[in-house]
């Protein structure tokens, strides 16, 4: 039986060992949302996939959908976003990834969240340390807005105009308005029953 091969880009959010040689990847993609992809014999020493599917890698990959789920076919163009990140921001990196994983449903595409996550995690490689908290607030409020938990108003519309924008001027503005942003996020999380 032949299967349709899907090709897309994604970020590996979680990697779970299955048996002695296999792995299960949780990958966020722009086209499919979060999907769980089975990788066969990836942990064998001679496997070519061994170094290509590391945790927090931004990858281009192909997979098939079988009756038992998704299976990885090929991987190319990998870049590990975690190790490119400033060491002081790595905790924030993991917190943002875990938040996305908890809030999003599997196989529910959110292209804007993927774009924001990809740009935001890449920006952590150059983000000044003093903007750590505003960066976290910006990522969380954009995720909550795209999932429908935060309404766009005249006061916060500037946050959602360009999801890939993480400039110092925007983060400086957020830093000055921190209390209102935290209040908005906390209200949205209560409403989401998070």
N, C-alpha and C. Protein backbone atom coordinates (compact mmCIF):
# COMPACT_ATOMS: atom_id res chain seq x y z
N UNK A 1 0.85 -1.18 0.00
CA UNK A 1 0.00 0.00 0.00
C UNK A 1 0.89 1.24 0.00
N UNK A 2 0.61 2.18 -0.86
CA UNK A 2 1.41 3.41 -0.89
C UNK A 2 0.71 4.49 -0.07
N UNK A 3 1.53 5.32 0.55
CA UNK A 3 1.03 6.40 1.39
C UNK A 3 1.42 7.73 0.79
N UNK A 4 0.62 8.74 1.07
CA UNK A 4 0.95 10.09 0.64
C UNK A 4 2.07 10.62 1.55
N UNK A 5 3.10 11.21 0.95
CA UNK A 5 4.22 11.76 1.71
C UNK A 5 3.98 13.26 1.90
N UNK A 6 3.94 13.70 3.17
CA UNK A 6 3.77 15.11 3.51
C UNK A 6 5.15 15.69 3.82
N UNK A 7 5.44 16.87 3.31
CA UNK A 7 6.70 17.54 3.58
C UNK A 7 6.40 18.91 4.18
N UNK A 8 7.04 19.21 5.29
CA UNK A 8 6.81 20.47 5.99
C UNK A 8 8.03 20.82 6.83
N UNK A 9 7.93 21.91 7.54
CA UNK A 9 8.97 22.33 8.47
C UNK A 9 8.40 22.22 9.88
N UNK A 10 9.26 22.09 10.87
CA UNK A 10 8.77 21.97 12.23
C UNK A 10 9.86 22.16 13.27
N UNK A 11 9.43 22.26 14.52
CA UNK A 11 10.35 22.37 15.65
C UNK A 11 10.04 21.20 16.58
N UNK A 12 11.06 20.44 16.94
CA UNK A 12 10.88 19.29 17.83
C UNK A 12 10.72 19.80 19.25
N UNK A 13 9.54 19.59 19.83
CA UNK A 13 9.22 20.07 21.17
C UNK A 13 9.55 19.04 22.25
N UNK A 14 9.42 17.77 21.91
CA UNK A 14 9.66 16.70 22.89
C UNK A 14 10.13 15.46 22.14
N UNK A 15 10.98 14.69 22.81
CA UNK A 15 11.50 13.46 22.23
C UNK A 15 11.42 12.38 23.30
N UNK A 16 10.71 11.29 22.99
CA UNK A 16 10.50 10.22 23.95
C UNK A 16 11.06 8.92 23.38
N UNK A 17 11.83 8.21 24.20
CA UNK A 17 12.38 6.93 23.77
C UNK A 17 11.29 5.86 23.76
N UNK A 18 11.30 5.04 22.73
CA UNK A 18 10.39 3.90 22.62
C UNK A 18 11.23 2.65 22.43
N UNK A 19 11.19 1.77 23.38
CA UNK A 19 11.99 0.55 23.28
C UNK A 19 13.47 0.87 23.29
N UNK A 20 14.25 0.04 22.63
CA UNK A 20 15.70 0.22 22.63
C UNK A 20 16.21 1.13 21.52
N UNK A 21 15.46 1.25 20.43
CA UNK A 21 16.01 1.97 19.28
C UNK A 21 15.11 3.05 18.70
N UNK A 22 13.84 3.05 19.04
CA UNK A 22 12.90 3.96 18.39
C UNK A 22 12.63 5.19 19.25
N UNK A 23 12.04 6.22 18.62
CA UNK A 23 11.69 7.45 19.33
C UNK A 23 10.33 7.94 18.85
N UNK A 24 9.69 8.74 19.71
CA UNK A 24 8.47 9.42 19.35
C UNK A 24 8.73 10.91 19.52
N UNK A 25 8.55 11.67 18.44
CA UNK A 25 8.80 13.10 18.46
C UNK A 25 7.48 13.86 18.51
N UNK A 26 7.43 14.88 19.36
CA UNK A 26 6.32 15.84 19.31
C UNK A 26 6.86 17.04 18.54
N UNK A 27 6.26 17.32 17.40
CA UNK A 27 6.76 18.36 16.50
C UNK A 27 5.64 19.35 16.22
N UNK A 28 5.94 20.65 16.34
CA UNK A 28 4.97 21.67 15.96
C UNK A 28 5.29 22.09 14.53
N UNK A 29 4.25 22.11 13.70
CA UNK A 29 4.40 22.48 12.29
C UNK A 29 3.38 23.56 11.95
N UNK A 30 3.64 24.35 10.91
CA UNK A 30 2.64 25.36 10.52
C UNK A 30 1.40 24.76 9.89
N UNK A 31 1.54 23.61 9.24
CA UNK A 31 0.45 23.01 8.47
C UNK A 31 -0.42 22.05 9.27
N UNK A 32 0.15 21.38 10.27
CA UNK A 32 -0.55 20.32 10.97
C UNK A 32 -0.67 20.57 12.48
N UNK A 33 -0.09 21.64 12.98
CA UNK A 33 -0.08 21.88 14.42
C UNK A 33 0.93 20.97 15.09
N UNK A 34 0.61 20.50 16.28
CA UNK A 34 1.50 19.57 16.97
C UNK A 34 1.14 18.16 16.54
N UNK A 35 2.14 17.44 16.06
CA UNK A 35 1.94 16.04 15.67
C UNK A 35 2.97 15.18 16.38
N UNK A 36 2.63 13.91 16.54
CA UNK A 36 3.54 12.94 17.16
C UNK A 36 4.02 12.01 16.06
N UNK A 37 5.33 12.03 15.82
CA UNK A 37 5.92 11.30 14.70
C UNK A 37 6.81 10.18 15.23
N UNK A 38 6.56 8.97 14.76
CA UNK A 38 7.35 7.81 15.16
C UNK A 38 8.61 7.73 14.30
N UNK A 39 9.77 7.56 14.94
CA UNK A 39 11.04 7.46 14.23
C UNK A 39 11.60 6.07 14.52
N UNK A 40 11.78 5.28 13.47
CA UNK A 40 12.26 3.91 13.61
C UNK A 40 13.78 3.84 13.62
N UNK A 41 14.31 3.09 14.57
CA UNK A 41 15.75 2.81 14.70
C UNK A 41 16.62 4.06 14.75
N UNK A 42 16.10 5.13 15.29
CA UNK A 42 16.84 6.40 15.34
C UNK A 42 17.97 6.35 16.36
N UNK A 43 17.83 5.56 17.41
CA UNK A 43 18.82 5.55 18.47
C UNK A 43 19.91 4.50 18.27
N UNK A 44 19.89 3.80 17.14
CA UNK A 44 20.95 2.86 16.81
C UNK A 44 22.18 3.66 16.41
N UNK A 45 23.37 3.21 16.83
CA UNK A 45 24.60 3.98 16.59
C UNK A 45 24.85 4.30 15.12
N UNK A 46 24.48 3.41 14.21
CA UNK A 46 24.76 3.64 12.79
C UNK A 46 23.65 4.41 12.07
N UNK A 47 22.63 4.85 12.79
CA UNK A 47 21.51 5.56 12.18
C UNK A 47 21.93 6.93 11.65
N UNK A 48 21.49 7.25 10.46
CA UNK A 48 21.76 8.57 9.87
C UNK A 48 20.87 9.65 10.48
N UNK A 49 19.75 9.25 11.06
CA UNK A 49 18.83 10.21 11.66
C UNK A 49 19.26 10.62 13.07
N UNK A 50 20.18 9.90 13.64
CA UNK A 50 20.57 10.06 15.04
C UNK A 50 20.84 11.53 15.42
N UNK A 51 21.60 12.25 14.61
CA UNK A 51 21.96 13.62 14.94
C UNK A 51 21.04 14.65 14.29
N UNK A 52 20.15 14.20 13.45
CA UNK A 52 19.27 15.14 12.74
C UNK A 52 17.99 15.45 13.51
N UNK A 53 17.58 14.58 14.41
CA UNK A 53 16.32 14.78 15.12
C UNK A 53 16.56 15.01 16.61
N UNK A 54 17.44 15.95 16.91
CA UNK A 54 17.71 16.27 18.31
C UNK A 54 16.63 17.22 18.85
N UNK A 55 16.45 17.19 20.14
CA UNK A 55 15.44 18.00 20.81
C UNK A 55 15.64 19.48 20.51
N UNK A 56 14.56 20.20 20.26
CA UNK A 56 14.52 21.64 19.98
C UNK A 56 15.17 22.02 18.65
N UNK A 57 15.24 21.08 17.73
CA UNK A 57 15.78 21.38 16.40
C UNK A 57 14.68 21.90 15.49
N UNK A 58 15.03 22.85 14.66
CA UNK A 58 14.14 23.35 13.60
C UNK A 58 14.49 22.52 12.38
N UNK A 59 13.54 21.74 11.86
CA UNK A 59 13.84 20.78 10.80
C UNK A 59 12.88 20.93 9.62
N UNK A 60 13.34 20.50 8.47
CA UNK A 60 12.48 20.26 7.31
C UNK A 60 12.39 18.74 7.22
N UNK A 61 11.17 18.21 7.17
CA UNK A 61 11.05 16.76 7.20
C UNK A 61 9.86 16.29 6.38
N UNK A 62 9.90 15.00 6.06
CA UNK A 62 8.80 14.35 5.35
C UNK A 62 8.30 13.20 6.21
N UNK A 63 6.99 12.97 6.16
CA UNK A 63 6.41 11.89 6.94
C UNK A 63 5.20 11.33 6.21
N UNK A 64 4.78 10.17 6.65
CA UNK A 64 3.57 9.56 6.11
C UNK A 64 2.59 9.34 7.26
N UNK A 65 1.31 9.28 6.91
CA UNK A 65 0.28 9.00 7.92
C UNK A 65 -0.21 7.58 7.69
N UNK A 66 0.00 6.72 8.68
CA UNK A 66 -0.44 5.34 8.61
C UNK A 66 -1.62 5.15 9.55
N UNK A 67 -2.15 3.96 9.60
CA UNK A 67 -3.27 3.71 10.51
C UNK A 67 -2.82 3.80 11.97
N UNK A 68 -1.52 3.67 12.22
CA UNK A 68 -1.00 3.73 13.58
C UNK A 68 -0.39 5.09 13.92
N UNK A 69 -0.56 6.07 13.06
CA UNK A 69 -0.02 7.41 13.33
C UNK A 69 0.94 7.87 12.25
N UNK A 70 1.76 8.85 12.60
CA UNK A 70 2.71 9.42 11.66
C UNK A 70 4.06 8.74 11.77
N UNK A 71 4.73 8.54 10.63
CA UNK A 71 6.07 7.94 10.60
C UNK A 71 7.00 8.85 9.82
N UNK A 72 8.18 9.08 10.36
CA UNK A 72 9.18 9.92 9.72
C UNK A 72 9.77 9.20 8.51
N UNK A 73 9.94 9.95 7.41
CA UNK A 73 10.55 9.39 6.21
C UNK A 73 11.95 9.99 6.01
N UNK A 74 12.04 11.32 5.92
CA UNK A 74 13.35 11.97 5.74
C UNK A 74 13.41 13.26 6.56
N UNK A 75 14.65 13.69 6.81
CA UNK A 75 14.90 14.95 7.53
C UNK A 75 16.02 15.67 6.80
N UNK A 76 15.88 17.00 6.69
CA UNK A 76 16.97 17.80 6.12
C UNK A 76 16.99 19.17 6.78
N UNK A 77 18.06 19.90 6.58
CA UNK A 77 18.19 21.28 7.05
C UNK A 77 17.85 21.44 8.53
N UNK A 78 18.64 20.83 9.39
CA UNK A 78 18.37 20.97 10.82
C UNK A 78 19.20 22.10 11.42
N UNK A 79 18.61 22.74 12.42
CA UNK A 79 19.29 23.81 13.17
C UNK A 79 18.77 23.75 14.59
N UNK A 80 19.66 23.53 15.55
CA UNK A 80 19.22 23.44 16.94
C UNK A 80 19.08 24.83 17.52
N UNK A 81 17.85 25.21 17.84
CA UNK A 81 17.57 26.54 18.36
C UNK A 81 18.01 26.70 19.81
N UNK A 82 18.01 25.61 20.57
CA UNK A 82 18.34 25.67 22.00
C UNK A 82 19.80 26.06 22.20
N UNK A 83 20.71 25.43 21.47
CA UNK A 83 22.13 25.71 21.66
C UNK A 83 22.56 27.02 21.02
N UNK A 84 21.74 27.55 20.11
CA UNK A 84 22.02 28.88 19.54
C UNK A 84 21.62 29.98 20.51
N UNK A 85 20.82 29.63 21.49
CA UNK A 85 20.27 30.57 22.46
C UNK A 85 21.34 30.97 23.50
N UNK A 86 21.26 32.22 23.98
CA UNK A 86 22.14 32.67 25.06
C UNK A 86 21.88 31.78 26.28
N UNK A 87 22.92 31.28 26.95
CA UNK A 87 22.71 30.38 28.09
C UNK A 87 21.75 30.91 29.15
N UNK A 88 21.75 32.22 29.38
CA UNK A 88 20.85 32.81 30.38
C UNK A 88 19.38 32.71 29.98
N UNK A 89 19.10 32.51 28.70
CA UNK A 89 17.72 32.44 28.21
C UNK A 89 17.23 31.00 28.02
N UNK A 90 18.04 30.01 28.30
CA UNK A 90 17.64 28.62 28.01
C UNK A 90 16.46 28.16 28.87
N UNK A 91 16.38 28.62 30.10
CA UNK A 91 15.23 28.27 30.95
C UNK A 91 13.96 28.86 30.36
N UNK A 92 14.03 30.11 29.93
CA UNK A 92 12.89 30.76 29.29
C UNK A 92 12.49 30.02 28.01
N UNK A 93 13.46 29.60 27.24
CA UNK A 93 13.24 28.83 26.01
C UNK A 93 12.38 27.61 26.31
N UNK A 94 12.79 26.83 27.31
CA UNK A 94 12.06 25.61 27.66
C UNK A 94 10.67 25.94 28.20
N UNK A 95 10.53 27.01 28.98
CA UNK A 95 9.22 27.40 29.51
C UNK A 95 8.25 27.76 28.38
N UNK A 96 8.73 28.48 27.38
CA UNK A 96 7.87 28.85 26.25
C UNK A 96 7.45 27.62 25.48
N UNK A 97 8.39 26.70 25.24
CA UNK A 97 8.07 25.46 24.51
C UNK A 97 7.04 24.64 25.28
N UNK A 98 7.22 24.49 26.58
CA UNK A 98 6.27 23.71 27.40
C UNK A 98 4.88 24.37 27.42
N UNK A 99 4.86 25.70 27.46
CA UNK A 99 3.58 26.41 27.44
C UNK A 99 2.82 26.14 26.14
N UNK A 100 3.51 26.21 25.03
CA UNK A 100 2.89 25.92 23.73
C UNK A 100 2.37 24.50 23.71
N UNK A 101 3.17 23.58 24.20
CA UNK A 101 2.79 22.18 24.20
C UNK A 101 1.53 21.92 25.04
N UNK A 102 1.41 22.61 26.18
CA UNK A 102 0.24 22.43 27.04
C UNK A 102 -1.02 23.07 26.49
N UNK A 103 -0.88 24.21 25.83
CA UNK A 103 -2.04 24.98 25.40
C UNK A 103 -2.64 24.52 24.07
N UNK A 104 -1.81 23.98 23.17
CA UNK A 104 -2.30 23.64 21.83
C UNK A 104 -2.82 22.21 21.77
N UNK A 105 -3.86 22.01 20.99
CA UNK A 105 -4.37 20.67 20.72
C UNK A 105 -3.51 20.03 19.65
N UNK A 106 -3.42 18.71 19.66
CA UNK A 106 -2.67 18.03 18.61
C UNK A 106 -3.45 18.09 17.30
N UNK A 107 -2.71 18.15 16.22
CA UNK A 107 -3.25 18.20 14.86
C UNK A 107 -4.24 19.35 14.65
N UNK A 108 -3.94 20.47 15.29
CA UNK A 108 -4.75 21.68 15.13
C UNK A 108 -3.82 22.79 14.64
N UNK A 109 -3.79 23.06 13.34
CA UNK A 109 -2.80 24.00 12.80
C UNK A 109 -3.01 25.44 13.27
N UNK A 110 -1.92 26.07 13.66
CA UNK A 110 -1.88 27.48 14.03
C UNK A 110 -0.59 28.05 13.43
N UNK A 111 -0.67 28.46 12.19
CA UNK A 111 0.52 28.94 11.48
C UNK A 111 1.15 30.15 12.17
N UNK A 112 0.32 31.05 12.68
CA UNK A 112 0.86 32.24 13.34
C UNK A 112 1.62 31.87 14.61
N UNK A 113 1.13 30.89 15.36
CA UNK A 113 1.85 30.46 16.56
C UNK A 113 3.18 29.84 16.17
N UNK A 114 3.19 29.03 15.11
CA UNK A 114 4.45 28.44 14.66
C UNK A 114 5.43 29.53 14.25
N UNK A 115 4.98 30.51 13.47
CA UNK A 115 5.85 31.60 13.03
C UNK A 115 6.38 32.39 14.22
N UNK A 116 5.50 32.68 15.18
CA UNK A 116 5.92 33.43 16.36
C UNK A 116 6.92 32.62 17.18
N UNK A 117 6.65 31.33 17.36
CA UNK A 117 7.55 30.48 18.13
C UNK A 117 8.92 30.37 17.47
N UNK A 118 8.92 30.16 16.17
CA UNK A 118 10.18 30.05 15.43
C UNK A 118 10.99 31.35 15.52
N UNK A 119 10.33 32.48 15.30
CA UNK A 119 11.02 33.77 15.36
C UNK A 119 11.45 34.10 16.79
N UNK A 120 10.56 33.84 17.75
CA UNK A 120 10.85 34.15 19.14
C UNK A 120 12.01 33.33 19.70
N UNK A 121 12.01 32.04 19.39
CA UNK A 121 13.10 31.19 19.88
C UNK A 121 14.42 31.56 19.21
N UNK A 122 14.37 31.96 17.95
CA UNK A 122 15.58 32.41 17.27
C UNK A 122 16.07 33.74 17.85
N UNK A 123 15.12 34.62 18.23
CA UNK A 123 15.50 35.92 18.79
C UNK A 123 16.20 35.77 20.15
N UNK A 124 15.93 34.69 20.86
CA UNK A 124 16.58 34.48 22.16
C UNK A 124 18.11 34.35 22.04
N UNK A 125 18.61 34.14 20.83
CA UNK A 125 20.06 34.08 20.62
C UNK A 125 20.70 35.46 20.73
N UNK A 126 19.92 36.52 20.53
CA UNK A 126 20.47 37.88 20.56
C UNK A 126 19.75 38.80 21.54
N UNK A 127 18.71 38.32 22.19
CA UNK A 127 17.90 39.15 23.09
C UNK A 127 18.72 39.59 24.30
N UNK A 128 18.74 40.91 24.60
CA UNK A 128 19.44 41.37 25.80
C UNK A 128 18.82 40.74 27.06
N UNK A 129 19.64 40.46 28.03
CA UNK A 129 19.20 39.77 29.23
C UNK A 129 18.13 40.56 29.98
N UNK A 130 18.20 41.88 29.96
CA UNK A 130 17.22 42.69 30.69
C UNK A 130 15.81 42.60 30.10
N UNK A 131 15.68 42.06 28.88
CA UNK A 131 14.36 41.92 28.26
C UNK A 131 13.81 40.50 28.37
N UNK A 132 14.34 39.72 29.29
CA UNK A 132 13.89 38.33 29.47
C UNK A 132 12.40 38.28 29.84
N UNK A 133 11.98 39.04 30.83
CA UNK A 133 10.58 39.03 31.27
C UNK A 133 9.64 39.58 30.20
N UNK A 134 9.93 40.73 29.58
CA UNK A 134 9.03 41.20 28.50
C UNK A 134 8.95 40.21 27.34
N UNK A 135 10.04 39.52 27.06
CA UNK A 135 10.04 38.52 25.98
C UNK A 135 9.08 37.39 26.32
N UNK A 136 9.12 36.93 27.57
CA UNK A 136 8.21 35.88 28.00
C UNK A 136 6.75 36.35 27.92
N UNK A 137 6.48 37.56 28.40
CA UNK A 137 5.12 38.11 28.35
C UNK A 137 4.61 38.22 26.92
N UNK A 138 5.47 38.69 26.03
CA UNK A 138 5.07 38.86 24.63
C UNK A 138 4.74 37.51 23.98
N UNK A 139 5.57 36.52 24.20
CA UNK A 139 5.30 35.19 23.63
C UNK A 139 3.99 34.61 24.18
N UNK A 140 3.81 34.68 25.49
CA UNK A 140 2.62 34.10 26.11
C UNK A 140 1.35 34.82 25.65
N UNK A 141 1.36 36.14 25.62
CA UNK A 141 0.14 36.87 25.23
C UNK A 141 -0.18 36.65 23.75
N UNK A 142 0.83 36.50 22.91
CA UNK A 142 0.56 36.22 21.49
C UNK A 142 -0.02 34.82 21.31
N UNK A 143 0.47 33.86 22.07
CA UNK A 143 -0.07 32.50 22.00
C UNK A 143 -1.52 32.50 22.46
N UNK A 144 -1.78 33.14 23.60
CA UNK A 144 -3.14 33.19 24.14
C UNK A 144 -4.11 33.92 23.20
N UNK A 145 -3.63 34.96 22.55
CA UNK A 145 -4.48 35.70 21.61
C UNK A 145 -4.83 34.83 20.41
N UNK A 146 -3.85 34.11 19.88
CA UNK A 146 -4.10 33.28 18.70
C UNK A 146 -5.00 32.09 19.02
N UNK A 147 -4.99 31.64 20.27
CA UNK A 147 -5.87 30.55 20.68
C UNK A 147 -7.25 31.04 21.10
N UNK A 148 -7.43 32.37 21.13
CA UNK A 148 -8.74 32.94 21.40
C UNK A 148 -9.00 33.31 22.85
N UNK A 149 -7.98 33.33 23.69
CA UNK A 149 -8.17 33.64 25.11
C UNK A 149 -7.95 35.11 25.44
N UNK A 150 -7.32 35.87 24.55
CA UNK A 150 -7.09 37.30 24.76
C UNK A 150 -7.69 38.04 23.57
N UNK A 151 -8.51 39.03 23.87
CA UNK A 151 -9.12 39.83 22.80
C UNK A 151 -8.16 40.94 22.37
N UNK A 152 -8.17 41.23 21.09
CA UNK A 152 -7.35 42.34 20.58
C UNK A 152 -8.13 43.63 20.78
N UNK A 153 -7.52 44.57 21.50
CA UNK A 153 -8.16 45.86 21.76
C UNK A 153 -7.26 46.97 21.22
N UNK A 154 -7.74 48.19 21.32
CA UNK A 154 -6.94 49.33 20.87
C UNK A 154 -5.66 49.47 21.70
N UNK A 155 -5.73 49.07 22.98
CA UNK A 155 -4.56 49.17 23.86
C UNK A 155 -3.47 48.16 23.54
N UNK A 156 -3.86 46.96 23.07
CA UNK A 156 -2.85 45.92 22.87
C UNK A 156 -2.66 45.53 21.40
N UNK A 157 -3.30 46.22 20.47
CA UNK A 157 -3.23 45.85 19.04
C UNK A 157 -1.80 45.87 18.51
N UNK A 158 -0.95 46.75 19.03
CA UNK A 158 0.44 46.84 18.55
C UNK A 158 1.22 45.56 18.82
N UNK A 159 0.78 44.76 19.76
CA UNK A 159 1.47 43.50 20.08
C UNK A 159 1.26 42.43 19.00
N UNK A 160 0.17 42.55 18.25
CA UNK A 160 -0.22 41.48 17.34
C UNK A 160 -0.08 41.86 15.87
N UNK A 161 0.48 43.02 15.58
CA UNK A 161 0.59 43.46 14.18
C UNK A 161 1.57 42.61 13.39
N UNK A 162 2.72 42.32 13.95
CA UNK A 162 3.72 41.49 13.27
C UNK A 162 4.21 40.43 14.24
N UNK A 163 3.74 39.20 14.06
CA UNK A 163 4.07 38.12 14.99
C UNK A 163 5.56 37.79 15.02
N UNK A 164 6.28 38.12 13.96
CA UNK A 164 7.70 37.81 13.91
C UNK A 164 8.56 38.93 14.50
N UNK A 165 7.92 40.03 14.92
CA UNK A 165 8.66 41.18 15.45
C UNK A 165 8.94 41.01 16.93
N UNK A 166 10.22 41.04 17.29
CA UNK A 166 10.65 40.97 18.69
C UNK A 166 11.72 42.03 18.93
N UNK A 167 11.49 43.24 18.44
CA UNK A 167 12.49 44.30 18.55
C UNK A 167 12.64 44.83 19.96
N UNK A 168 13.76 45.46 20.20
CA UNK A 168 14.04 46.03 21.52
C UNK A 168 13.04 47.11 21.89
N UNK A 169 12.58 47.91 20.93
CA UNK A 169 11.61 48.98 21.23
C UNK A 169 10.30 48.38 21.74
N UNK A 170 9.83 47.31 21.11
CA UNK A 170 8.60 46.65 21.54
C UNK A 170 8.77 46.06 22.94
N UNK A 171 9.89 45.41 23.18
CA UNK A 171 10.14 44.81 24.49
C UNK A 171 10.29 45.88 25.58
N UNK A 172 10.88 47.01 25.23
CA UNK A 172 11.02 48.12 26.19
C UNK A 172 9.63 48.65 26.58
N UNK A 173 8.74 48.78 25.59
CA UNK A 173 7.37 49.23 25.86
C UNK A 173 6.65 48.24 26.77
N UNK A 174 6.81 46.97 26.50
CA UNK A 174 6.19 45.95 27.33
C UNK A 174 6.73 45.97 28.76
N UNK A 175 8.01 46.22 28.90
CA UNK A 175 8.64 46.25 30.21
C UNK A 175 8.02 47.36 31.07
N UNK A 176 7.65 48.47 30.45
CA UNK A 176 7.04 49.59 31.18
C UNK A 176 5.58 49.30 31.54
N UNK A 177 4.94 48.40 30.80
CA UNK A 177 3.52 48.10 31.00
C UNK A 177 3.34 46.67 31.55
N UNK A 178 4.31 46.22 32.32
CA UNK A 178 4.36 44.84 32.78
C UNK A 178 3.15 44.42 33.62
N UNK A 179 2.72 45.25 34.55
CA UNK A 179 1.62 44.88 35.45
C UNK A 179 0.32 44.61 34.70
N UNK A 180 0.00 45.46 33.74
CA UNK A 180 -1.23 45.26 32.96
C UNK A 180 -1.14 43.98 32.12
N UNK A 181 0.04 43.72 31.57
CA UNK A 181 0.22 42.52 30.75
C UNK A 181 0.06 41.26 31.60
N UNK A 182 0.66 41.25 32.77
CA UNK A 182 0.55 40.09 33.67
C UNK A 182 -0.90 39.88 34.08
N UNK A 183 -1.61 40.95 34.36
CA UNK A 183 -3.02 40.86 34.72
C UNK A 183 -3.85 40.26 33.57
N UNK A 184 -3.58 40.71 32.35
CA UNK A 184 -4.29 40.19 31.17
C UNK A 184 -4.01 38.71 30.98
N UNK A 185 -2.75 38.31 31.14
CA UNK A 185 -2.36 36.90 30.98
C UNK A 185 -3.00 36.04 32.06
N UNK A 186 -2.96 36.50 33.30
CA UNK A 186 -3.54 35.72 34.39
C UNK A 186 -5.05 35.53 34.21
N UNK A 187 -5.73 36.58 33.75
CA UNK A 187 -7.16 36.47 33.48
C UNK A 187 -7.42 35.45 32.38
N UNK A 188 -6.63 35.50 31.31
CA UNK A 188 -6.81 34.56 30.20
C UNK A 188 -6.54 33.12 30.65
N UNK A 189 -5.54 32.93 31.49
CA UNK A 189 -5.24 31.57 31.95
C UNK A 189 -6.35 31.03 32.87
N UNK A 190 -6.94 31.90 33.68
CA UNK A 190 -8.08 31.48 34.50
C UNK A 190 -9.25 31.06 33.62
N UNK A 191 -9.49 31.85 32.57
CA UNK A 191 -10.59 31.54 31.65
C UNK A 191 -10.35 30.24 30.88
N UNK A 192 -9.10 29.94 30.60
CA UNK A 192 -8.78 28.74 29.84
C UNK A 192 -8.77 27.49 30.70
N UNK A 193 -8.89 27.66 32.02
CA UNK A 193 -8.83 26.57 32.98
C UNK A 193 -7.50 25.83 32.91
N UNK A 194 -6.45 26.58 32.65
CA UNK A 194 -5.07 26.06 32.51
C UNK A 194 -4.57 25.56 33.81
